[in-house]
Amino acid sequence: MNIAIIVGAGKGKRMNSKVSKILLSLAEKPVICRTIEKFENCAEIDSIILVVNRDNLKEIERLVEYNCYEKVIKIVEGGEKRQDSVYNAIKEGNHARPDDIILIHNAANPLVAEETIKEVIKAAKEFGAAVAAVKAKDTIKEADDGNFVNRTLEREKIWCMQTPQAMKYGLAVRAFIKAYNDNFYGTDDVSLVERLGHKVKIIESNADNIKLTTKEDMGFANSLFSRERVGLGQDSHRFSRKEKRLILGGVLIENSINNIGIMIEAKKPRLERYEEKIKESIANMVGIDKERVGLTATSGEELTDFGKGLGIQVFAIASVVKNG
């Protein structure tokens, strides 16, 4: 079982907004909804626990009910500090087994890629703990108490930590209990695991996976969503009298494909047992996850030539994101 803990209990003061930043609109949806949907739509995630500020509790409950998020099993009130909030959620996940994976993710990181989520889960299963991160781009220097350079660190070995951060449930419980017994507060979740002497695997994150902290960050995130475009296509073919291979989903689009939806109308052949193979084939051709390909097939009930078995009709819709 893989459980996502989405943490949004902070005040978000740097956003300089009267509204909590996780409730700010991002492409016509609250930020927290954009984040929840990343995990709701990820096949690797089994359940979601939300951790929110008491002041936002009722509104978050309303959003979860309104959007029918099926994987959200609990909404937990946050603690005094972020680490307290995460621990509240871990205790609510006591139905988990020791080797189940928990992913801790900031509600203010709605741009995480599904592939990043999957890779972090995979690494946590293999190594016990894993974290998404990006390589440092700038030269990093360590200073002394007087703000004089003490030494220059090797940039090639420096990573900037992000979320999700994942660990096996049993390991997480031990790490958080020890931290509280020692009155230790870490700057991120996996640092508690490191204190047990356990290694943490770094997974390179998608570059857009930033934490929304300022209004400039919100502008950047909205610009990414505004680059999305949708195209609709339709094609029809009569069956040949000669036996011929039937190929569906050959696609060439110069932009980056985000999602593809396909509707097929045909009385014959019956396609139900081929649907998953077709989705997987299309996903491989265009380089996206299979979960981003939707496919429905209808017999047409003899209302058209396609429904009478004389041919096949396909509608395809694709959302694409402009490169650059």
Protein backbone atom coordinates (compact mmCIF):
# COMPACT_ATOMS: atom_id res chain seq x y z
CA MET A 1 0.00 0.00 0.00
CA ASN A 2 1.21 3.50 -0.86
CA ILE A 3 -0.19 6.36 1.25
CA ALA A 4 0.27 10.01 0.30
CA ILE A 5 0.35 12.57 3.11
CA ILE A 6 -0.32 16.03 1.68
CA VAL A 7 0.73 18.73 4.13
CA GLY A 8 -0.92 22.15 3.93
CA ALA A 9 -1.10 23.36 7.52
CA GLY A 10 1.30 26.29 7.25
CA LYS A 11 0.42 29.99 7.27
CA GLY A 12 2.15 30.85 3.97
CA LYS A 13 3.03 34.38 5.17
CA ARG A 14 5.49 35.05 2.33
CA MET A 15 2.64 34.89 -0.19
CA ASN A 16 1.34 38.12 1.40
CA SER A 17 -2.29 37.11 0.85
CA LYS A 18 -5.35 37.28 3.10
CA VAL A 19 -6.36 33.86 1.74
CA SER A 20 -4.32 30.77 2.60
CA LYS A 21 -2.03 30.05 -0.36
CA ILE A 22 -3.32 26.51 -0.75
CA LEU A 23 -6.76 28.01 -1.42
CA LEU A 24 -5.53 30.51 -4.00
CA SER A 25 -6.74 29.91 -7.56
CA LEU A 26 -4.39 28.09 -9.90
CA ALA A 27 -5.91 27.83 -13.38
CA GLU A 28 -9.43 28.16 -11.93
CA LYS A 29 -8.93 25.58 -9.16
CA PRO A 30 -7.54 25.95 -5.62
CA VAL A 31 -3.86 25.06 -5.34
CA ILE A 32 -4.58 22.19 -2.96
CA CYS A 33 -7.03 20.66 -5.46
CA ARG A 34 -4.35 20.73 -8.16
CA THR A 35 -2.01 18.94 -5.75
CA ILE A 36 -4.56 16.37 -4.59
CA GLU A 37 -5.38 15.50 -8.20
CA LYS A 38 -1.74 14.64 -8.93
CA PHE A 39 -2.01 11.83 -6.38
CA GLU A 40 -5.70 11.03 -6.94
CA ASN A 41 -4.92 10.32 -10.61
CA CYS A 42 -1.72 8.36 -9.95
CA ALA A 43 -2.37 4.63 -10.11
CA GLU A 44 0.47 3.96 -7.65
CA ILE A 45 -1.30 5.82 -4.84
CA ASP A 46 -3.84 3.88 -2.77
CA SER A 47 -4.98 6.50 -0.27
CA ILE A 48 -4.43 10.13 0.72
CA ILE A 49 -4.33 11.83 4.12
CA LEU A 50 -4.61 15.63 4.15
CA VAL A 51 -3.11 17.75 6.90
CA VAL A 52 -4.51 21.29 7.06
CA ASN A 53 -4.75 24.30 9.31
CA ARG A 54 -7.73 24.40 11.66
CA ASP A 55 -8.93 27.64 10.03
CA ASN A 56 -9.17 25.88 6.63
CA LEU A 57 -10.55 22.56 7.83
CA LYS A 58 -14.20 23.12 6.87
CA GLU A 59 -13.32 24.55 3.46
CA ILE A 60 -10.99 21.64 2.66
CA GLU A 61 -13.70 19.17 3.69
CA ARG A 62 -16.10 20.96 1.36
CA LEU A 63 -13.63 20.83 -1.55
CA VAL A 64 -12.97 17.12 -1.05
CA GLU A 65 -16.69 16.35 -1.02
CA TYR A 66 -17.46 18.65 -3.97
CA ASN A 67 -14.70 17.14 -6.15
CA CYS A 68 -15.46 13.55 -5.08
CA TYR A 69 -11.84 12.69 -4.32
CA GLU A 70 -12.14 8.96 -3.72
CA LYS A 71 -8.64 8.37 -2.33
CA VAL A 72 -8.83 10.98 0.44
CA ILE A 73 -9.53 8.85 3.52
CA LYS A 74 -8.80 11.37 6.30
CA ILE A 75 -8.37 15.10 6.86
CA VAL A 76 -6.17 15.79 9.87
CA GLU A 77 -5.62 19.02 11.77
CA GLY A 78 -2.03 20.28 11.63
CA GLY A 79 0.29 20.80 14.58
CA GLU A 80 2.40 23.68 15.81
CA LYS A 81 5.22 22.98 13.35
CA ARG A 82 5.38 21.11 10.05
CA GLN A 83 7.01 18.09 11.68
CA ASP A 84 4.15 17.96 14.20
CA SER A 85 1.66 18.07 11.32
CA VAL A 86 3.35 15.19 9.50
CA TYR A 87 3.48 13.12 12.68
CA ASN A 88 -0.26 13.69 13.23
CA ALA A 89 -0.88 12.17 9.81
CA ILE A 90 1.51 9.26 10.36
CA LYS A 91 -0.38 8.33 13.53
CA GLU A 92 -3.64 8.41 11.54
CA GLY A 93 -2.07 5.97 9.08
CA ASN A 94 -1.83 3.24 11.70
CA HIS A 95 -3.70 0.86 9.39
CA ALA A 96 -0.50 0.66 7.33
CA ARG A 97 1.91 -2.27 7.52
CA PRO A 98 5.62 -1.75 8.32
CA ASP A 99 6.72 -2.15 4.69
CA ASP A 100 3.97 0.06 3.21
CA ILE A 101 5.20 3.31 1.71
CA ILE A 102 4.19 6.77 2.90
CA LEU A 103 4.88 9.79 0.70
CA ILE A 104 5.01 13.21 2.36
CA HIS A 105 4.27 16.05 -0.05
CA ASN A 106 3.71 19.77 0.30
CA ALA A 107 0.23 20.95 -0.66
CA ALA A 108 1.93 23.98 -2.18
CA ASN A 109 3.79 21.81 -4.73
CA PRO A 110 1.06 21.22 -7.36
CA LEU A 111 3.46 20.83 -10.30
CA VAL A 112 5.00 17.50 -9.31
CA ALA A 113 5.12 15.05 -12.22
CA GLU A 114 3.52 11.62 -12.01
CA GLU A 115 6.84 10.08 -13.06
CA THR A 116 8.57 11.74 -10.10
CA ILE A 117 5.97 10.28 -7.73
CA LYS A 118 6.41 6.81 -9.20
CA GLU A 119 10.21 6.92 -9.12
CA VAL A 120 10.26 8.03 -5.47
CA ILE A 121 7.89 5.18 -4.54
CA LYS A 122 10.01 2.66 -6.42
CA ALA A 123 13.21 3.83 -4.72
CA ALA A 124 11.61 3.82 -1.25
CA LYS A 125 10.48 0.23 -1.75
CA GLU A 126 14.03 -0.77 -2.68
CA PHE A 127 16.07 1.34 -0.26
CA GLY A 128 13.64 2.12 2.55
CA ALA A 129 13.63 5.90 2.05
CA ALA A 130 13.81 8.25 -0.95
CA VAL A 131 13.46 11.94 -1.73
CA ALA A 132 12.80 14.07 -4.81
CA ALA A 133 15.46 16.74 -5.37
CA VAL A 134 17.04 18.95 -8.00
CA LYS A 135 20.73 19.50 -8.56
CA ALA A 136 22.13 22.79 -7.33
CA LYS A 137 22.73 25.27 -10.15
CA ASP A 138 24.73 27.84 -8.21
CA THR A 139 28.04 27.63 -6.41
CA ILE A 140 27.41 26.96 -2.71
CA LYS A 141 29.73 28.38 -0.04
CA GLU A 142 29.82 27.71 3.68
CA ALA A 143 30.31 30.79 5.88
CA ASP A 144 31.64 31.23 9.41
CA ASP A 145 29.90 33.16 12.21
CA GLY A 146 31.19 36.44 10.80
CA ASN A 147 29.81 35.72 7.32
CA PHE A 148 33.24 35.13 5.83
CA VAL A 149 33.60 32.24 3.39
CA ASN A 150 34.76 29.16 5.21
CA ARG A 151 34.86 26.83 2.22
CA THR A 152 33.36 26.21 -1.20
CA LEU A 153 31.29 23.05 -1.47
CA GLU A 154 31.41 20.72 -4.46
CA ARG A 155 28.39 21.79 -6.49
CA GLU A 156 28.22 18.43 -8.27
CA LYS A 157 27.38 16.80 -4.94
CA ILE A 158 24.81 19.38 -3.78
CA TRP A 159 21.08 18.70 -4.14
CA CYS A 160 18.13 20.92 -3.22
CA MET A 161 15.49 18.85 -1.45
CA GLN A 162 11.88 18.83 -2.61
CA THR A 163 8.80 16.70 -2.02
CA PRO A 164 7.57 14.00 -2.22
CA GLN A 165 9.75 12.40 0.43
CA ALA A 166 8.99 8.72 0.98
CA MET A 167 9.82 6.03 3.50
CA LYS A 168 8.54 2.70 4.71
CA TYR A 169 5.89 3.16 7.37
CA GLY A 170 7.73 1.24 10.08
CA LEU A 171 10.88 3.27 9.45
CA ALA A 172 8.91 6.52 9.54
CA VAL A 173 7.35 5.68 12.91
CA ARG A 174 10.76 4.91 14.43
CA ALA A 175 12.30 8.06 12.97
CA PHE A 176 9.58 10.40 14.21
CA ILE A 177 9.40 8.82 17.69
CA LYS A 178 13.17 9.17 18.13
CA ALA A 179 13.04 12.78 16.95
CA TYR A 180 10.43 13.64 19.58
CA ASN A 181 12.24 11.75 22.32
CA ASP A 182 15.37 13.77 21.45
CA ASN A 183 13.40 17.02 21.01
CA PHE A 184 14.84 17.22 17.48
CA TYR A 185 13.17 19.13 14.66
CA GLY A 186 14.56 18.51 11.18
CA THR A 187 14.41 20.83 8.19
CA ASP A 188 12.83 18.06 6.13
CA ASP A 189 11.27 14.64 6.70
CA VAL A 190 14.05 12.35 5.52
CA SER A 191 16.53 14.05 7.87
CA LEU A 192 14.78 12.15 10.68
CA VAL A 193 15.52 8.89 8.88
CA GLU A 194 19.15 9.93 8.38
CA ARG A 195 19.49 10.31 12.17
CA LEU A 196 18.82 6.57 12.48
CA GLY A 197 21.85 5.90 10.31
CA HIS A 198 19.63 4.91 7.39
CA LYS A 199 20.60 5.96 3.87
CA VAL A 200 18.16 7.96 1.73
CA LYS A 201 18.07 7.58 -2.06
CA ILE A 202 17.89 10.81 -4.08
CA ILE A 203 15.61 10.87 -7.14
CA GLU A 204 16.02 13.75 -9.59
CA SER A 205 12.73 15.63 -9.71
CA ASN A 206 11.01 17.32 -12.61
CA ALA A 207 12.32 20.89 -12.84
CA ASP A 208 8.86 22.49 -12.54
CA ASN A 209 8.23 20.92 -9.14
CA ILE A 210 8.62 24.14 -7.17
CA LYS A 211 7.00 25.12 -3.89
CA LEU A 212 4.60 28.03 -4.38
CA THR A 213 5.93 30.57 -1.90
CA THR A 214 5.56 34.01 -3.53
CA LYS A 215 3.22 35.72 -5.97
CA GLU A 216 5.92 35.31 -8.61
CA ASP A 217 5.73 31.54 -8.07
CA MET A 218 1.96 31.67 -8.61
CA GLY A 219 2.47 33.58 -11.84
CA PHE A 220 4.95 30.98 -13.06
CA ALA A 221 2.60 28.10 -12.19
CA ASN A 222 -0.34 29.77 -13.94
CA SER A 223 1.80 30.33 -17.03
CA LEU A 224 2.49 26.60 -17.25
CA PHE A 225 -1.22 25.79 -17.17
CA SER A 226 -2.00 28.52 -19.73
CA ARG A 227 0.42 26.88 -22.19
CA GLU A 228 -1.87 23.86 -22.38
CA ARG A 229 -3.85 23.50 -25.61
CA VAL A 230 -6.52 21.03 -26.73
CA GLY A 231 -7.03 19.59 -30.21
CA LEU A 232 -9.91 17.46 -31.53
CA GLY A 233 -9.66 15.12 -34.51
CA GLN A 234 -12.01 12.69 -36.26
CA ASP A 235 -11.39 10.06 -38.92
CA SER A 236 -13.52 7.38 -40.62
CA HIS A 237 -12.59 4.41 -42.81
CA ARG A 238 -14.59 1.71 -44.58
CA PHE A 239 -13.34 -1.82 -44.04
CA SER A 240 -11.38 -3.32 -46.95
CA ARG A 241 -12.53 -6.57 -48.57
CA LYS A 242 -8.96 -7.80 -48.21
CA GLU A 243 -7.57 -8.78 -44.82
CA LYS A 244 -5.60 -5.89 -43.51
CA ARG A 245 -3.93 -4.95 -40.24
CA LEU A 246 -5.90 -2.47 -38.10
CA ILE A 247 -3.65 0.17 -36.55
CA LEU A 248 -5.05 2.66 -34.02
CA GLY A 249 -3.29 5.56 -32.42
CA GLY A 250 -0.39 6.39 -34.72
CA VAL A 251 0.26 9.96 -33.57
CA LEU A 252 2.89 12.59 -34.47
CA ILE A 253 2.63 15.90 -32.60
CA GLU A 254 5.54 18.34 -32.33
CA ASN A 255 4.53 19.66 -28.89
CA SER A 256 4.72 17.74 -25.58
CA ILE A 257 1.60 15.59 -25.16
CA ASN A 258 -0.18 15.89 -21.81
CA ASN A 259 -3.27 13.68 -22.19
CA ILE A 260 -4.99 11.74 -24.98
CA GLY A 261 -8.64 10.68 -25.10
CA ILE A 262 -9.98 8.28 -27.73
CA MET A 263 -13.53 7.16 -28.59
CA ILE A 264 -14.06 4.28 -31.03
CA GLU A 265 -17.38 3.37 -32.67
CA ALA A 266 -17.57 -0.04 -34.31
CA LYS A 267 -19.83 -3.08 -34.18
CA LYS A 268 -16.86 -5.24 -35.12
CA PRO A 269 -14.28 -6.15 -34.10
CA ARG A 270 -15.08 -6.29 -30.38
CA LEU A 271 -12.34 -4.25 -28.74
CA GLU A 272 -12.93 -4.67 -25.01
CA ARG A 273 -10.12 -7.17 -24.46
CA TYR A 274 -7.70 -5.01 -26.46
CA GLU A 275 -8.35 -1.69 -24.70
CA GLU A 276 -5.47 -1.86 -22.21
CA LYS A 277 -3.03 -2.99 -24.91
CA ILE A 278 -4.10 -0.11 -27.19
CA LYS A 279 -3.66 2.41 -24.38
CA GLU A 280 -0.22 1.04 -23.55
CA SER A 281 0.78 1.08 -27.23
CA ILE A 282 -0.31 4.71 -27.72
CA ALA A 283 1.41 5.77 -24.50
CA ASN A 284 4.67 4.19 -25.64
CA MET A 285 4.44 5.80 -29.09
CA VAL A 286 4.02 9.34 -27.79
CA GLY A 287 6.09 9.00 -24.63
CA ILE A 288 3.53 9.49 -21.84
CA ASP A 289 2.23 7.34 -18.96
CA LYS A 290 -0.53 4.87 -19.82
CA GLU A 291 -2.74 6.49 -17.18
CA ARG A 292 -2.81 9.65 -19.35
CA VAL A 293 -4.53 7.79 -22.19
CA GLY A 294 -8.30 7.41 -21.99
CA LEU A 295 -10.11 4.97 -24.28
CA THR A 296 -13.79 4.12 -24.73
CA ALA A 297 -15.31 1.79 -27.31
CA THR A 298 -18.98 1.63 -28.32
CA SER A 299 -20.84 -0.72 -30.65
CA GLY A 300 -22.98 2.10 -32.07
CA GLU A 301 -26.15 -0.01 -31.66
CA GLU A 302 -26.61 -0.14 -35.47
CA LEU A 303 -27.56 3.54 -35.64
CA THR A 304 -24.81 4.33 -38.17
CA ASP A 305 -22.78 2.43 -40.79
CA PHE A 306 -20.13 1.97 -38.10
CA GLY A 307 -22.71 0.56 -35.73
CA LYS A 308 -23.82 -1.83 -38.49
CA GLY A 309 -20.34 -3.26 -38.85
CA LEU A 310 -19.47 -1.60 -42.19
CA GLY A 311 -16.53 0.38 -40.86
CA ILE A 312 -14.91 1.97 -37.87
CA GLN A 313 -14.93 5.56 -36.59
CA VAL A 314 -12.46 7.09 -34.15
CA PHE A 315 -12.52 10.42 -32.31
CA ALA A 316 -9.29 11.52 -30.62
CA ILE A 317 -8.66 14.50 -28.39
CA ALA A 318 -5.24 15.50 -27.12
CA SER A 319 -4.13 18.19 -24.71
CA VAL A 320 -0.59 19.39 -25.40
CA VAL A 321 1.82 21.71 -23.65
CA LYS A 322 3.91 24.07 -25.75
CA ASN A 323 7.65 23.42 -25.59
CA GLY A 324 9.85 26.28 -24.51
